[in-house]
């Protein structure tokens, strides 16, 4: 079963001046799954994400991606391996068009910061691939729109498109539906399901409806520790989860 594990942590711990934000987190994410990381505010979810992509360094513990230890690697090096955190790696330029934003992300994948002086043929090739990505996230009709003018849900879809431009094997999504209206939540949830068809997704998400409908496996954190794992039915009925998370959610 080891070959099925794409991402693994062993005894991951993060302290901030004596405060333990993440304590002995040993996580296994299987290839091709949508794995949700949930828990109440302050549970350590975002800190875990920051550790996985090395925006923070662990106090101790190890991180493995595709069987290779990546503890201590730079965020850029981790992204080049195919582990990409959406909404942070994929910066959106607010005053460029939707198409231009995706094209810049494609240029980054090619190892260039920009290609504005390149030949028309190269730019046309980039436009073609950019339009394929926009079609994949439902933004074909918005390619000439200025990014800052997009509705919130569409802007999130653009961020996913720029992440897909980096051709990730695994995507980390940090609260992809936060702050959205119901219709946008449904649209982004459907998009996540589509993009997960041929890759692995690990997401932090507060919307339990999204977690229930999308996730193959769920890990629940509370006060920096894993308190339950399994499918939605098993974790939602777990006494510690009800106390720490679901109880307060449905109070």
C-alpha atoms as a PDB file:
ATOM      1  CA  UNK A   1       0.000   0.000   0.000  1.00  0.00           C
ATOM      2  CA  UNK A   2       3.018   2.314   0.357  1.00  0.00           C
ATOM      3  CA  UNK A   3       2.910   3.228  -3.333  1.00  0.00           C
ATOM      4  CA  UNK A   4      -0.634   4.558  -2.834  1.00  0.00           C
ATOM      5  CA  UNK A   5       0.593   7.217  -0.378  1.00  0.00           C
ATOM      6  CA  UNK A   6       1.494  10.433  -2.177  1.00  0.00           C
ATOM      7  CA  UNK A   7       1.965  12.653   0.901  1.00  0.00           C
ATOM      8  CA  UNK A   8       2.955  11.629   4.409  1.00  0.00           C
ATOM      9  CA  UNK A   9       3.951  13.403   7.593  1.00  0.00           C
ATOM     10  CA  UNK A  10       5.596  11.752  10.587  1.00  0.00           C
ATOM     11  CA  UNK A  11       5.424  13.347  14.024  1.00  0.00           C
ATOM     12  CA  UNK A  12       4.984  16.849  12.635  1.00  0.00           C
ATOM     13  CA  UNK A  13       5.196  19.539  15.314  1.00  0.00           C
ATOM     14  CA  UNK A  14       5.245  23.342  15.256  1.00  0.00           C
ATOM     15  CA  UNK A  15       5.846  25.564  18.276  1.00  0.00           C
ATOM     16  CA  UNK A  16       5.626  29.355  18.455  1.00  0.00           C
ATOM     17  CA  UNK A  17       7.475  30.653  21.535  1.00  0.00           C
ATOM     18  CA  UNK A  18       6.216  27.802  23.663  1.00  0.00           C
ATOM     19  CA  UNK A  19       2.736  27.582  22.087  1.00  0.00           C
ATOM     20  CA  UNK A  20       2.206  24.244  20.325  1.00  0.00           C
ATOM     21  CA  UNK A  21       0.164  24.874  17.155  1.00  0.00           C
ATOM     22  CA  UNK A  22       0.665  21.399  15.658  1.00  0.00           C
ATOM     23  CA  UNK A  23       1.485  18.384  17.829  1.00  0.00           C
ATOM     24  CA  UNK A  24       2.694  15.006  16.547  1.00  0.00           C
ATOM     25  CA  UNK A  25       0.604  15.062  13.347  1.00  0.00           C
ATOM     26  CA  UNK A  26       1.170  11.888  11.314  1.00  0.00           C
ATOM     27  CA  UNK A  27      -0.874  12.181   8.146  1.00  0.00           C
ATOM     28  CA  UNK A  28      -1.180   9.913   5.105  1.00  0.00           C
ATOM     29  CA  UNK A  29      -2.852  11.100   1.903  1.00  0.00           C
ATOM     30  CA  UNK A  30      -3.615   8.491  -0.732  1.00  0.00           C
ATOM     31  CA  UNK A  31      -3.028   9.152  -4.394  1.00  0.00           C
ATOM     32  CA  UNK A  32      -6.063  10.169  -6.430  1.00  0.00           C
ATOM     33  CA  UNK A  33      -8.231  11.021  -3.407  1.00  0.00           C
ATOM     34  CA  UNK A  34      -9.916  14.173  -2.153  1.00  0.00           C
ATOM     35  CA  UNK A  35      -8.754  14.389   1.468  1.00  0.00           C
ATOM     36  CA  UNK A  36     -10.257  17.023   3.766  1.00  0.00           C
ATOM     37  CA  UNK A  37      -8.582  18.528   6.817  1.00  0.00           C
ATOM     38  CA  UNK A  38     -11.216  19.951   9.166  1.00  0.00           C
ATOM     39  CA  UNK A  39     -11.558  21.238  12.698  1.00  0.00           C
ATOM     40  CA  UNK A  40     -12.651  24.277  14.711  1.00  0.00           C
ATOM     41  CA  UNK A  41     -10.893  27.634  14.527  1.00  0.00           C
ATOM     42  CA  UNK A  42      -7.411  27.409  15.984  1.00  0.00           C
ATOM     43  CA  UNK A  43      -7.172  23.652  15.388  1.00  0.00           C
ATOM     44  CA  UNK A  44      -3.927  23.990  13.427  1.00  0.00           C
ATOM     45  CA  UNK A  45      -5.214  23.357   9.900  1.00  0.00           C
ATOM     46  CA  UNK A  46      -3.615  26.345   8.184  1.00  0.00           C
ATOM     47  CA  UNK A  47      -0.387  25.824  10.136  1.00  0.00           C
ATOM     48  CA  UNK A  48      -0.314  22.262   8.778  1.00  0.00           C
ATOM     49  CA  UNK A  49      -0.710  23.587   5.232  1.00  0.00           C
ATOM     50  CA  UNK A  50       2.102  26.071   5.816  1.00  0.00           C
ATOM     51  CA  UNK A  51       4.333  23.269   7.066  1.00  0.00           C
ATOM     52  CA  UNK A  52       3.544  20.980   4.124  1.00  0.00           C
ATOM     53  CA  UNK A  53       4.591  23.628   1.604  1.00  0.00           C
ATOM     54  CA  UNK A  54       7.358  25.014   3.838  1.00  0.00           C
ATOM     55  CA  UNK A  55       6.008  28.502   4.265  1.00  0.00           C
ATOM     56  CA  UNK A  56       6.754  27.485   7.857  1.00  0.00           C
ATOM     57  CA  UNK A  57       9.521  25.135   9.025  1.00  0.00           C
ATOM     58  CA  UNK A  58       8.534  22.384  11.473  1.00  0.00           C
ATOM     59  CA  UNK A  59       9.965  22.361  14.972  1.00  0.00           C
ATOM     60  CA  UNK A  60      10.406  18.657  14.404  1.00  0.00           C
ATOM     61  CA  UNK A  61       9.003  15.858  12.270  1.00  0.00           C
ATOM     62  CA  UNK A  62       9.311  14.781   8.652  1.00  0.00           C
ATOM     63  CA  UNK A  63       7.375  15.346   5.432  1.00  0.00           C
ATOM     64  CA  UNK A  64       7.467  12.946   2.462  1.00  0.00           C
ATOM     65  CA  UNK A  65       6.089  13.490  -1.039  1.00  0.00           C
ATOM     66  CA  UNK A  66       6.045  10.563  -3.468  1.00  0.00           C
ATOM     67  CA  UNK A  67       8.340   8.701  -1.088  1.00  0.00           C
ATOM     68  CA  UNK A  68      10.933  11.481  -1.093  1.00  0.00           C
ATOM     69  CA  UNK A  69      11.642  13.499   2.025  1.00  0.00           C
ATOM     70  CA  UNK A  70      10.953  17.187   1.387  1.00  0.00           C
ATOM     71  CA  UNK A  71      11.480  18.447   4.952  1.00  0.00           C
ATOM     72  CA  UNK A  72      13.563  21.606   4.645  1.00  0.00           C
ATOM     73  CA  UNK A  73      12.913  22.124   0.927  1.00  0.00           C
ATOM     74  CA  UNK A  74      11.949  25.592  -0.304  1.00  0.00           C
ATOM     75  CA  UNK A  75       8.337  26.360  -1.322  1.00  0.00           C
ATOM     76  CA  UNK A  76       9.471  26.825  -4.931  1.00  0.00           C
ATOM     77  CA  UNK A  77      11.275  23.478  -4.980  1.00  0.00           C
ATOM     78  CA  UNK A  78       8.207  21.735  -3.540  1.00  0.00           C
ATOM     79  CA  UNK A  79       5.980  23.344  -6.180  1.00  0.00           C
ATOM     80  CA  UNK A  80       8.349  22.145  -8.923  1.00  0.00           C
ATOM     81  CA  UNK A  81       7.909  18.598  -7.618  1.00  0.00           C
ATOM     82  CA  UNK A  82       4.175  18.912  -8.305  1.00  0.00           C
ATOM     83  CA  UNK A  83       2.802  19.791  -4.844  1.00  0.00           C
ATOM     84  CA  UNK A  84       1.126  23.162  -5.287  1.00  0.00           C
ATOM     85  CA  UNK A  85      -0.884  25.203  -2.821  1.00  0.00           C
ATOM     86  CA  UNK A  86      -3.677  27.052  -4.538  1.00  0.00           C
ATOM     87  CA  UNK A  87      -4.601  30.641  -3.619  1.00  0.00           C
ATOM     88  CA  UNK A  88      -1.055  31.293  -2.443  1.00  0.00           C
ATOM     89  CA  UNK A  89       1.349  30.021  -5.087  1.00  0.00           C
ATOM     90  CA  UNK A  90      -1.082  31.159  -7.792  1.00  0.00           C
ATOM     91  CA  UNK A  91      -1.024  34.930  -7.482  1.00  0.00           C
ATOM     92  CA  UNK A  92      -3.685  36.718  -9.523  1.00  0.00           C
ATOM     93  CA  UNK A  93      -2.746  40.053 -11.045  1.00  0.00           C
ATOM     94  CA  UNK A  94      -5.821  42.231 -10.446  1.00  0.00           C
ATOM     95  CA  UNK A  95      -5.417  44.652 -13.337  1.00  0.00           C
ATOM     96  CA  UNK A  96      -4.620  42.104 -16.047  1.00  0.00           C
ATOM     97  CA  UNK A  97      -7.242  40.188 -17.986  1.00  0.00           C
ATOM     98  CA  UNK A  98      -8.307  36.687 -17.075  1.00  0.00           C
ATOM     99  CA  UNK A  99      -6.498  35.309 -20.137  1.00  0.00           C
ATOM    100  CA  UNK A 100      -3.315  37.228 -19.328  1.00  0.00           C
ATOM    101  CA  UNK A 101      -3.301  35.880 -15.772  1.00  0.00           C
ATOM    102  CA  UNK A 102      -3.423  32.271 -16.943  1.00  0.00           C
ATOM    103  CA  UNK A 103      -0.827  32.930 -19.637  1.00  0.00           C
ATOM    104  CA  UNK A 104       1.591  34.327 -17.026  1.00  0.00           C
ATOM    105  CA  UNK A 105       1.093  31.180 -14.934  1.00  0.00           C
ATOM    106  CA  UNK A 106       1.915  29.082 -18.005  1.00  0.00           C
ATOM    107  CA  UNK A 107       5.065  31.141 -18.541  1.00  0.00           C
ATOM    108  CA  UNK A 108       6.069  30.447 -14.947  1.00  0.00           C
ATOM    109  CA  UNK A 109       5.682  26.725 -15.615  1.00  0.00           C
ATOM    110  CA  UNK A 110       8.090  27.122 -18.553  1.00  0.00           C
ATOM    111  CA  UNK A 111      10.616  28.717 -16.192  1.00  0.00           C
ATOM    112  CA  UNK A 112      10.163  32.289 -17.429  1.00  0.00           C
ATOM    113  CA  UNK A 113       8.714  35.257 -15.559  1.00  0.00           C
ATOM    114  CA  UNK A 114       7.218  36.728 -18.730  1.00  0.00           C
ATOM    115  CA  UNK A 115       7.378  36.312 -22.502  1.00  0.00           C
ATOM    116  CA  UNK A 116       6.054  39.608 -23.788  1.00  0.00           C
ATOM    117  CA  UNK A 117       8.913  39.999 -26.260  1.00  0.00           C
ATOM    118  CA  UNK A 118       8.684  36.398 -27.537  1.00  0.00           C
ATOM    119  CA  UNK A 119       7.477  35.450 -30.997  1.00  0.00           C
ATOM    120  CA  UNK A 120       3.826  35.571 -31.963  1.00  0.00           C
ATOM    121  CA  UNK A 121       3.882  31.783 -32.383  1.00  0.00           C
ATOM    122  CA  UNK A 122       4.925  31.212 -28.758  1.00  0.00           C
ATOM    123  CA  UNK A 123       2.293  33.650 -27.501  1.00  0.00           C
ATOM    124  CA  UNK A 124      -0.380  32.006 -29.655  1.00  0.00           C
ATOM    125  CA  UNK A 125       0.548  28.607 -28.230  1.00  0.00           C
ATOM    126  CA  UNK A 126       0.246  29.990 -24.709  1.00  0.00           C
ATOM    127  CA  UNK A 127      -3.132  31.525 -25.531  1.00  0.00           C
ATOM    128  CA  UNK A 128      -4.397  28.199 -26.834  1.00  0.00           C
ATOM    129  CA  UNK A 129      -3.467  26.350 -23.634  1.00  0.00           C
ATOM    130  CA  UNK A 130      -4.723  29.226 -21.479  1.00  0.00           C
ATOM    131  CA  UNK A 131      -8.119  29.028 -23.189  1.00  0.00           C
ATOM    132  CA  UNK A 132      -8.250  25.277 -22.552  1.00  0.00           C
ATOM    133  CA  UNK A 133      -7.708  25.946 -18.837  1.00  0.00           C
ATOM    134  CA  UNK A 134     -10.316  28.709 -18.786  1.00  0.00           C
ATOM    135  CA  UNK A 135     -12.802  26.361 -20.413  1.00  0.00           C
ATOM    136  CA  UNK A 136     -11.992  23.723 -17.769  1.00  0.00           C
ATOM    137  CA  UNK A 137     -12.917  26.114 -14.945  1.00  0.00           C
ATOM    138  CA  UNK A 138     -15.924  27.674 -16.691  1.00  0.00           C
ATOM    139  CA  UNK A 139     -14.351  31.050 -17.469  1.00  0.00           C
ATOM    140  CA  UNK A 140     -14.292  31.025 -21.278  1.00  0.00           C
ATOM    141  CA  UNK A 141     -16.786  33.893 -21.438  1.00  0.00           C
ATOM    142  CA  UNK A 142     -14.612  36.004 -19.112  1.00  0.00           C
ATOM    143  CA  UNK A 143     -11.220  35.847 -20.831  1.00  0.00           C
ATOM    144  CA  UNK A 144     -11.129  39.567 -21.634  1.00  0.00           C
ATOM    145  CA  UNK A 145     -12.478  40.605 -18.219  1.00  0.00           C
ATOM    146  CA  UNK A 146     -10.143  42.402 -15.827  1.00  0.00           C
ATOM    147  CA  UNK A 147      -9.435  40.083 -12.884  1.00  0.00           C
ATOM    148  CA  UNK A 148     -10.287  42.635 -10.189  1.00  0.00           C
ATOM    149  CA  UNK A 149     -13.773  43.053 -11.692  1.00  0.00           C
ATOM    150  CA  UNK A 150     -14.684  39.365 -11.447  1.00  0.00           C
ATOM    151  CA  UNK A 151     -17.297  38.233  -8.916  1.00  0.00           C
ATOM    152  CA  UNK A 152     -15.721  36.545  -5.910  1.00  0.00           C
ATOM    153  CA  UNK A 153     -16.570  32.997  -6.941  1.00  0.00           C
ATOM    154  CA  UNK A 154     -15.254  33.542 -10.480  1.00  0.00           C
ATOM    155  CA  UNK A 155     -12.041  34.986  -9.051  1.00  0.00           C
ATOM    156  CA  UNK A 156     -11.542  31.773  -7.085  1.00  0.00           C
ATOM    157  CA  UNK A 157     -12.085  29.800 -10.305  1.00  0.00           C
ATOM    158  CA  UNK A 158      -9.367  31.930 -11.945  1.00  0.00           C
ATOM    159  CA  UNK A 159      -7.012  31.128  -9.063  1.00  0.00           C
ATOM    160  CA  UNK A 160      -7.637  27.425  -9.648  1.00  0.00           C
ATOM    161  CA  UNK A 161      -6.956  27.899 -13.372  1.00  0.00           C
ATOM    162  CA  UNK A 162      -3.596  29.563 -12.640  1.00  0.00           C
ATOM    163  CA  UNK A 163      -2.735  26.707 -10.291  1.00  0.00           C
ATOM    164  CA  UNK A 164      -3.672  24.123 -12.934  1.00  0.00           C
ATOM    165  CA  UNK A 165      -1.335  25.960 -15.320  1.00  0.00           C
ATOM    166  CA  UNK A 166       1.535  24.713 -13.138  1.00  0.00           C
ATOM    167  CA  UNK A 167       0.391  21.150 -13.906  1.00  0.00           C
ATOM    168  CA  UNK A 168       0.318  19.965 -10.269  1.00  0.00           C
ATOM    169  CA  UNK A 169       0.143  16.312  -9.352  1.00  0.00           C
ATOM    170  CA  UNK A 170      -1.339  17.311  -5.983  1.00  0.00           C
ATOM    171  CA  UNK A 171      -3.239  20.456  -5.051  1.00  0.00           C
ATOM    172  CA  UNK A 172      -3.639  21.917  -1.563  1.00  0.00           C
ATOM    173  CA  UNK A 173      -6.769  24.050  -1.365  1.00  0.00           C
ATOM    174  CA  UNK A 174      -7.086  26.363   1.643  1.00  0.00           C
ATOM    175  CA  UNK A 175     -10.779  27.061   2.324  1.00  0.00           C
ATOM    176  CA  UNK A 176     -11.775  27.185  -1.354  1.00  0.00           C
ATOM    177  CA  UNK A 177     -15.426  28.129  -0.656  1.00  0.00           C
ATOM    178  CA  UNK A 178     -14.877  30.607   2.205  1.00  0.00           C
ATOM    179  CA  UNK A 179     -17.084  33.692   2.006  1.00  0.00           C
ATOM    180  CA  UNK A 180     -19.075  32.494  -0.998  1.00  0.00           C
ATOM    181  CA  UNK A 181     -22.772  32.652  -1.744  1.00  0.00           C
ATOM    182  CA  UNK A 182     -24.584  29.323  -2.122  1.00  0.00           C
ATOM    183  CA  UNK A 183     -24.496  29.315  -5.934  1.00  0.00           C
ATOM    184  CA  UNK A 184     -20.757  30.019  -5.956  1.00  0.00           C
ATOM    185  CA  UNK A 185     -20.157  27.253  -3.408  1.00  0.00           C
ATOM    186  CA  UNK A 186     -21.913  24.759  -5.685  1.00  0.00           C
ATOM    187  CA  UNK A 187     -19.935  25.955  -8.702  1.00  0.00           C
ATOM    188  CA  UNK A 188     -16.547  25.719  -6.963  1.00  0.00           C
ATOM    189  CA  UNK A 189     -17.384  22.340  -5.405  1.00  0.00           C
ATOM    190  CA  UNK A 190     -18.236  20.981  -8.851  1.00  0.00           C
ATOM    191  CA  UNK A 191     -14.987  22.461 -10.186  1.00  0.00           C
ATOM    192  CA  UNK A 192     -12.936  20.802  -7.427  1.00  0.00           C
ATOM    193  CA  UNK A 193     -14.517  17.461  -8.292  1.00  0.00           C
ATOM    194  CA  UNK A 194     -13.608  17.940 -11.968  1.00  0.00           C
ATOM    195  CA  UNK A 195      -9.979  18.946 -11.379  1.00  0.00           C
ATOM    196  CA  UNK A 196      -9.546  16.078  -8.892  1.00  0.00           C
ATOM    197  CA  UNK A 197     -10.380  13.527 -11.597  1.00  0.00           C
ATOM    198  CA  UNK A 198      -6.690  12.968 -12.416  1.00  0.00           C
ATOM    199  CA  UNK A 199      -4.867  14.361  -9.386  1.00  0.00           C
ATOM    200  CA  UNK A 200      -4.846  14.339  -5.586  1.00  0.00           C
ATOM    201  CA  UNK A 201      -6.480  17.118  -3.552  1.00  0.00           C
ATOM    202  CA  UNK A 202      -5.936  17.985   0.111  1.00  0.00           C
ATOM    203  CA  UNK A 203      -8.240  20.756   1.283  1.00  0.00           C
ATOM    204  CA  UNK A 204      -9.007  22.728   4.401  1.00  0.00           C
ATOM    205  CA  UNK A 205     -12.724  23.472   4.365  1.00  0.00           C
ATOM    206  CA  UNK A 206     -15.229  24.765   6.929  1.00  0.00           C
ATOM    207  CA  UNK A 207     -18.382  24.051   4.905  1.00  0.00           C
ATOM    208  CA  UNK A 208     -19.398  20.602   6.136  1.00  0.00           C
ATOM    209  CA  UNK A 209     -21.773  20.112   3.216  1.00  0.00           C
ATOM    210  CA  UNK A 210     -18.851  20.505   0.815  1.00  0.00           C
ATOM    211  CA  UNK A 211     -16.715  18.176   2.940  1.00  0.00           C
ATOM    212  CA  UNK A 212     -19.432  15.516   3.032  1.00  0.00           C
ATOM    213  CA  UNK A 213     -20.120  15.655  -0.711  1.00  0.00           C
ATOM    214  CA  UNK A 214     -16.530  15.837  -1.970  1.00  0.00           C
ATOM    215  CA  UNK A 215     -14.224  14.052   0.435  1.00  0.00           C
ATOM    216  CA  UNK A 216     -13.058  10.460   0.185  1.00  0.00           C
ATOM    217  CA  UNK A 217     -11.260  10.722   3.514  1.00  0.00           C
ATOM    218  CA  UNK A 218     -11.330  13.230   6.381  1.00  0.00           C
ATOM    219  CA  UNK A 219      -8.795  14.074   9.074  1.00  0.00           C
ATOM    220  CA  UNK A 220     -10.073  16.078  12.053  1.00  0.00           C
ATOM    221  CA  UNK A 221      -7.730  18.319  14.040  1.00  0.00           C
ATOM    222  CA  UNK A 222      -8.366  19.835  17.442  1.00  0.00           C
ATOM    223  CA  UNK A 223      -5.799  21.902  19.354  1.00  0.00           C
ATOM    224  CA  UNK A 224      -3.125  20.818  16.912  1.00  0.00           C
ATOM    225  CA  UNK A 225      -3.716  17.073  17.251  1.00  0.00           C
ATOM    226  CA  UNK A 226      -5.500  14.508  15.083  1.00  0.00           C
ATOM    227  CA  UNK A 227      -8.581  13.323  16.969  1.00  0.00           C
ATOM    228  CA  UNK A 228     -10.326  11.284  14.249  1.00  0.00           C
ATOM    229  CA  UNK A 229      -9.951  10.014  10.691  1.00  0.00           C
ATOM    230  CA  UNK A 230     -12.211   8.234   8.232  1.00  0.00           C
ATOM    231  CA  UNK A 231     -15.179   8.916   5.984  1.00  0.00           C
ATOM    232  CA  UNK A 232     -17.781  11.564   6.809  1.00  0.00           C
ATOM    233  CA  UNK A 233     -20.173   9.169   8.511  1.00  0.00           C
ATOM    234  CA  UNK A 234     -17.542   7.772  10.874  1.00  0.00           C
ATOM    235  CA  UNK A 235     -15.952  11.093  11.856  1.00  0.00           C
ATOM    236  CA  UNK A 236     -19.263  12.943  12.226  1.00  0.00           C
ATOM    237  CA  UNK A 237     -20.371  10.396  14.810  1.00  0.00           C
ATOM    238  CA  UNK A 238     -17.097  10.387  16.730  1.00  0.00           C
ATOM    239  CA  UNK A 239     -17.632  11.697  20.309  1.00  0.00           C
ATOM    240  CA  UNK A 240     -14.483  13.835  20.332  1.00  0.00           C
ATOM    241  CA  UNK A 241     -15.398  15.378  16.984  1.00  0.00           C
ATOM    242  CA  UNK A 242     -18.904  16.172  18.148  1.00  0.00           C
ATOM    243  CA  UNK A 243     -17.456  17.826  21.225  1.00  0.00           C
ATOM    244  CA  UNK A 244     -14.654  19.723  19.516  1.00  0.00           C
ATOM    245  CA  UNK A 245     -16.192  20.601  16.170  1.00  0.00           C
ATOM    246  CA  UNK A 246     -19.626  19.415  15.176  1.00  0.00           C
ATOM    247  CA  UNK A 247     -21.129  20.172  18.571  1.00  0.00           C
ATOM    248  CA  UNK A 248     -20.179  23.819  18.363  1.00  0.00           C
ATOM    249  CA  UNK A 249     -21.091  23.916  14.673  1.00  0.00           C
ATOM    250  CA  UNK A 250     -24.654  22.765  15.313  1.00  0.00           C
ATOM    251  CA  UNK A 251     -25.215  24.369  18.706  1.00  0.00           C
END
